[in-house]
Protein backbone atom coordinates (compact mmCIF):
# COMPACT_ATOMS: atom_id res chain seq x y z
CA MET A 1 136.87 156.03 87.40
CA HIS A 2 136.69 159.72 88.29
CA ILE A 3 139.27 161.71 86.30
CA GLY A 4 140.49 165.01 87.68
CA MET A 5 143.02 167.46 86.32
CA ILE A 6 144.97 169.75 88.61
CA TRP A 7 147.28 172.64 87.82
CA ALA A 8 148.49 176.06 88.95
CA GLN A 9 148.60 178.92 86.50
CA ALA A 10 150.08 182.39 86.55
CA ALA A 11 148.91 185.32 84.43
CA HIS A 12 148.44 184.54 80.71
CA ARG A 13 147.52 180.92 81.67
CA VAL A 14 151.25 180.12 82.03
CA ILE A 15 151.83 176.74 83.70
CA GLY A 16 155.55 176.26 83.09
CA ASP A 17 158.52 176.49 80.82
CA GLY A 18 159.24 172.77 80.38
CA ARG A 19 162.34 172.88 82.58
CA GLY A 20 161.14 173.53 86.12
CA MET A 21 158.81 175.52 88.31
CA LEU A 22 158.53 179.23 87.57
CA TRP A 23 157.25 180.01 91.07
CA HIS A 24 157.46 178.88 94.65
CA VAL A 25 154.13 178.74 96.50
CA PRO A 26 154.56 176.24 99.37
CA ALA A 27 150.92 176.35 100.47
CA ASP A 28 149.79 175.37 96.98
CA PHE A 29 152.36 172.56 96.88
CA LYS A 30 150.75 171.28 100.09
CA HIS A 31 147.29 171.63 98.52
CA PHE A 32 148.48 169.61 95.48
CA LYS A 33 149.92 166.92 97.74
CA THR A 34 146.78 166.68 99.89
CA THR A 35 144.52 166.56 96.83
CA THR A 36 146.44 163.90 94.91
CA MET A 37 147.80 161.74 97.76
CA GLY A 38 146.83 158.09 97.44
CA SER A 39 145.55 158.44 93.88
CA PRO A 40 147.38 157.63 90.65
CA ILE A 41 148.83 160.67 88.90
CA ILE A 42 149.41 160.82 85.15
CA MET A 43 152.01 163.19 83.77
CA GLY A 44 153.94 163.72 80.59
CA ARG A 45 157.62 162.94 80.30
CA ARG A 46 158.72 166.58 80.45
CA SER A 47 156.66 167.18 83.59
CA PHE A 48 158.31 164.12 85.17
CA GLU A 49 161.73 165.45 84.20
CA ALA A 50 160.87 168.87 85.65
CA LEU A 51 160.38 167.03 88.96
CA GLY A 52 163.97 165.83 88.72
CA LYS A 53 162.88 162.41 87.40
CA LYS A 54 161.73 161.52 90.92
CA PRO A 55 158.27 160.05 91.39
CA LEU A 56 156.05 161.78 93.92
CA PRO A 57 155.66 159.58 97.03
CA GLY A 58 152.36 158.06 98.12
CA ARG A 59 150.93 157.92 94.62
CA LEU A 60 151.23 155.64 91.61
CA ASN A 61 153.16 157.82 89.15
CA ILE A 62 152.35 157.10 85.50
CA VAL A 63 154.59 158.82 82.95
CA LEU A 64 153.29 159.26 79.43
CA THR A 65 155.96 159.17 76.73
CA SER A 66 156.39 158.31 73.06
CA GLN A 67 159.97 157.12 73.68
CA GLU A 68 159.89 153.32 73.96
CA SER A 69 163.34 153.17 75.56
CA TYR A 70 162.56 155.84 78.19
CA GLN A 71 163.43 154.95 81.79
CA ALA A 72 161.34 156.35 84.66
CA LYS A 73 162.68 154.71 87.81
CA GLY A 74 159.92 154.25 90.38
CA ALA A 75 157.16 155.13 87.92
CA SER A 76 155.04 153.21 85.43
CA LEU A 77 155.27 154.05 81.73
CA ALA A 78 152.39 154.49 79.30
CA PHE A 79 152.45 155.34 75.62
CA SER A 80 148.95 156.81 75.35
CA LEU A 81 146.49 158.50 77.68
CA SER A 82 144.18 155.52 77.24
CA GLU A 83 146.93 153.15 78.40
CA ALA A 84 147.73 155.42 81.36
CA LEU A 85 144.07 155.44 82.41
CA THR A 86 143.97 151.64 82.20
CA LEU A 87 147.03 151.43 84.48
CA ALA A 88 145.33 153.80 86.93
CA LYS A 89 142.09 151.82 86.87
CA ASP A 90 143.92 148.49 87.23
CA SER A 91 145.50 149.82 90.43
CA GLY A 92 142.05 149.67 92.03
CA ALA A 93 141.79 153.43 92.40
CA GLU A 94 138.43 155.19 92.18
CA ARG A 95 140.04 158.47 91.12
CA CYS A 96 143.12 159.55 89.20
CA TRP A 97 144.70 162.92 88.48
CA ILE A 98 146.22 164.29 85.29
CA THR A 99 149.03 166.57 86.46
CA GLY A 100 150.49 167.96 83.24
CA GLY A 101 151.84 169.17 81.00
CA ALA A 102 150.02 171.31 78.50
CA ARG A 103 149.51 168.69 75.78
CA LEU A 104 148.18 166.17 78.30
CA TYR A 105 145.81 168.77 79.77
CA ALA A 106 144.53 169.59 76.27
CA GLU A 107 143.86 165.90 75.59
CA GLY A 108 142.37 165.38 79.04
CA MET A 109 139.81 168.18 78.65
CA GLU A 110 137.71 165.78 76.56
CA ILE A 111 137.43 163.15 79.30
CA ALA A 112 137.99 164.83 82.67
CA ASP A 113 135.20 165.02 85.21
CA GLU A 114 136.76 167.75 87.37
CA LEU A 115 139.33 170.55 87.16
CA VAL A 116 141.15 171.92 90.20
CA VAL A 117 142.88 175.14 89.19
CA THR A 118 145.08 177.30 91.37
CA TYR A 119 145.16 180.87 90.09
CA LEU A 120 148.37 182.61 91.09
CA ASP A 121 148.47 186.37 91.54
CA LEU A 122 151.74 186.41 89.62
CA ASP A 123 152.97 187.51 86.21
CA VAL A 124 156.05 185.59 85.06
CA GLY A 125 155.81 187.10 81.60
CA ASP A 126 154.77 185.17 78.56
CA SER A 127 156.61 183.49 75.76
CA GLU A 128 155.71 181.12 72.96
CA ASP A 129 158.16 178.75 74.69
CA PHE A 130 156.03 178.66 77.85
CA ALA A 131 153.41 175.97 78.41
CA HIS A 132 149.85 177.24 78.83
CA ALA A 133 146.78 175.85 80.56
CA PRO A 134 143.81 175.01 78.36
CA LEU A 135 140.93 177.44 78.05
CA ILE A 136 138.05 176.57 80.37
CA SER A 137 134.78 176.94 78.48
CA PRO A 138 131.88 178.04 80.71
CA ALA A 139 129.58 176.09 78.36
CA ILE A 140 131.32 172.86 79.41
CA TRP A 141 132.71 173.61 82.89
CA LYS A 142 130.74 174.95 85.83
CA LYS A 143 132.46 176.49 88.84
CA ASN A 144 131.65 174.79 92.14
CA SER A 145 131.26 177.92 94.27
CA LEU A 146 130.82 175.95 97.51
CA ARG A 147 134.29 174.38 97.21
CA SER A 148 136.09 177.26 95.48
CA ASP A 149 137.87 180.12 97.21
CA SER A 150 135.89 183.35 97.05
CA GLU A 151 139.07 185.44 97.21
CA PHE A 152 142.83 185.03 97.13
CA ARG A 153 144.49 183.27 100.05
CA PRO A 154 147.40 185.05 101.80
CA ILE A 155 150.83 185.20 100.20
CA SER A 156 152.77 181.93 100.31
CA GLY A 157 156.25 182.23 98.87
CA ASP A 158 156.00 184.23 95.67
CA CYS A 159 152.35 185.29 95.66
CA ARG A 160 148.74 185.07 96.74
CA TRP A 161 146.78 182.11 95.39
CA GLN A 162 143.19 181.03 94.86
CA VAL A 163 141.76 177.55 94.21
CA THR A 164 138.78 177.09 91.91
CA TYR A 165 136.97 173.79 91.39
CA TYR A 166 135.16 173.11 88.12
CA GLU A 167 132.81 170.25 87.32
CA ARG A 168 131.73 169.12 83.89
CA ALA A 169 128.28 170.51 83.09
CA GLU A 170 125.48 167.93 83.00
CA ASN A 171 124.21 169.07 79.60
CA PRO A 172 126.97 171.08 77.94
CA SER A 173 125.68 173.44 75.29
CA ASP A 174 127.16 173.39 71.81
């Protein structure tokens, strides 16, 4: 199964604060929806809660948690990334998306085939309490220039935005 990871990040690689969205960029929300629609999405418990504990429609929502008694109405629960990937594969899907948060992205960097990153022209500040996107090593990840935006798209909501697609390098260097 093809494993993709998708996220939006502001300056300082900030992806969130664990409580909700720090920005409003409707065109990127639409891009996220179009990209992930019909495929299973895997997210951590806090990311699910930041969505108001409502599963995203049109996709199998798999919530990763360590809390055995956790309830995620309308979503499937998994207790490890491996278990979540098995649930996604068992659904018959050819592709799944890891959609956050930071710890899940860090773990997923080892196994993902593709990264879809929206760079926001926005500085929401930085704090040790904020969640941050993983570093993207050019030795491991190659930008797909044909699919990526060459410049920022027009302002949508809070800011301009730019989508970059990365693929795992065939022979990553050490």
